[in-house]
């Protein structure tokens, strides 16, 4: 199960994800992302600190979100490794 929480400030739109980033949660996140307009000048941040697993569909969506300007952040070693792979970094 994936839980999505959106918080807004004047400069930032924070998307906090909790749980597993797998289907059907990936489709839910994608639909929510497309329907939610952000004000110009505000950056979109996707906080993945509480994500426990990301499958290939979740990786594809994170890559799409990053290509649209989203900043994905995570403190967890596993999720950070996934983000590094998506960014083309190898460790």
Protein backbone atom coordinates (compact mmCIF):
# COMPACT_ATOMS: atom_id res chain seq x y z
CA UNK A 1 0.00 0.00 0.00
CA UNK A 2 1.19 3.53 -0.82
CA UNK A 3 0.22 6.59 1.16
CA UNK A 4 0.60 10.00 -0.52
CA UNK A 5 0.61 13.25 1.47
CA UNK A 6 0.94 16.65 -0.19
CA UNK A 7 2.03 19.74 1.77
CA UNK A 8 2.26 23.22 0.26
CA UNK A 9 4.30 26.25 1.16
CA UNK A 10 4.92 29.44 -0.79
CA UNK A 11 8.11 28.02 -2.33
CA UNK A 12 7.60 24.27 -2.31
CA UNK A 13 5.16 21.45 -2.91
CA UNK A 14 6.22 18.47 -0.78
CA UNK A 15 5.00 15.00 -1.74
CA UNK A 16 5.64 12.52 1.07
CA UNK A 17 5.34 8.87 0.10
CA UNK A 18 5.00 6.05 2.62
CA UNK A 19 4.97 2.31 1.96
CA UNK A 20 5.73 0.34 -1.19
CA UNK A 21 6.02 2.11 -4.54
CA UNK A 22 4.50 -0.71 -6.61
CA UNK A 23 1.30 -1.19 -8.63
CA UNK A 24 -1.46 -0.12 -8.04
CA UNK A 25 0.14 2.67 -5.98
CA UNK A 26 2.29 3.74 -8.94
CA UNK A 27 -0.82 4.34 -11.06
CA UNK A 28 -2.43 6.22 -8.18
CA UNK A 29 0.62 8.46 -7.74
CA UNK A 30 0.86 9.13 -11.48
CA UNK A 31 -2.82 10.11 -11.71
CA UNK A 32 -2.56 12.32 -8.62
CA UNK A 33 0.61 13.97 -9.98
CA UNK A 34 -1.04 14.74 -13.33
CA UNK A 35 -4.19 16.15 -11.74
CA UNK A 36 -2.41 18.33 -9.19
CA UNK A 37 -1.34 21.69 -10.56
CA UNK A 38 1.56 23.42 -8.90
CA UNK A 39 1.95 27.18 -8.84
CA UNK A 40 4.72 28.54 -11.02
CA UNK A 41 7.95 29.16 -9.20
CA UNK A 42 7.32 26.45 -6.62
CA UNK A 43 9.51 23.40 -6.76
CA UNK A 44 8.17 19.89 -6.33
CA UNK A 45 9.97 17.68 -3.82
CA UNK A 46 9.22 13.98 -3.48
CA UNK A 47 10.24 12.69 -0.04
CA UNK A 48 10.90 8.96 -0.15
CA UNK A 49 12.19 8.54 3.44
CA UNK A 50 9.33 6.21 4.36
CA UNK A 51 9.30 4.13 1.17
CA UNK A 52 10.23 0.51 1.87
CA UNK A 53 10.37 -0.95 -1.65
CA UNK A 54 10.36 0.29 -5.26
CA UNK A 55 9.63 -2.03 -8.19
CA UNK A 56 10.46 -1.37 -11.86
CA UNK A 57 7.20 0.51 -12.48
CA UNK A 58 7.98 2.73 -9.49
CA UNK A 59 11.48 3.37 -10.83
CA UNK A 60 10.07 4.37 -14.23
CA UNK A 61 7.65 6.80 -12.60
CA UNK A 62 10.35 8.36 -10.41
CA UNK A 63 12.47 8.87 -13.54
CA UNK A 64 9.51 10.56 -15.26
CA UNK A 65 8.87 12.82 -12.26
CA UNK A 66 12.55 13.79 -12.12
CA UNK A 67 12.49 14.57 -15.85
CA UNK A 68 9.56 16.89 -15.13
CA UNK A 69 11.65 18.76 -12.57
CA UNK A 70 10.77 16.98 -9.35
CA UNK A 71 13.51 16.66 -6.76
CA UNK A 72 13.48 13.18 -5.22
CA UNK A 73 15.05 12.93 -1.76
CA UNK A 74 15.67 10.01 0.57
CA UNK A 75 17.71 9.25 3.64
CA UNK A 76 17.30 5.47 3.44
CA UNK A 77 20.30 3.65 1.95
CA UNK A 78 18.17 1.35 -0.23
CA UNK A 79 16.07 4.17 -1.69
CA UNK A 80 19.13 6.38 -2.15
CA UNK A 81 20.78 3.53 -4.09
CA UNK A 82 17.70 3.30 -6.36
CA UNK A 83 17.77 7.08 -6.92
CA UNK A 84 21.50 7.00 -7.70
CA UNK A 85 20.90 4.28 -10.31
CA UNK A 86 18.09 6.33 -11.85
CA UNK A 87 20.41 9.34 -12.04
CA UNK A 88 23.11 7.24 -13.67
CA UNK A 89 25.47 7.31 -10.70
CA UNK A 90 27.31 4.14 -9.73
CA UNK A 91 28.79 3.43 -6.34
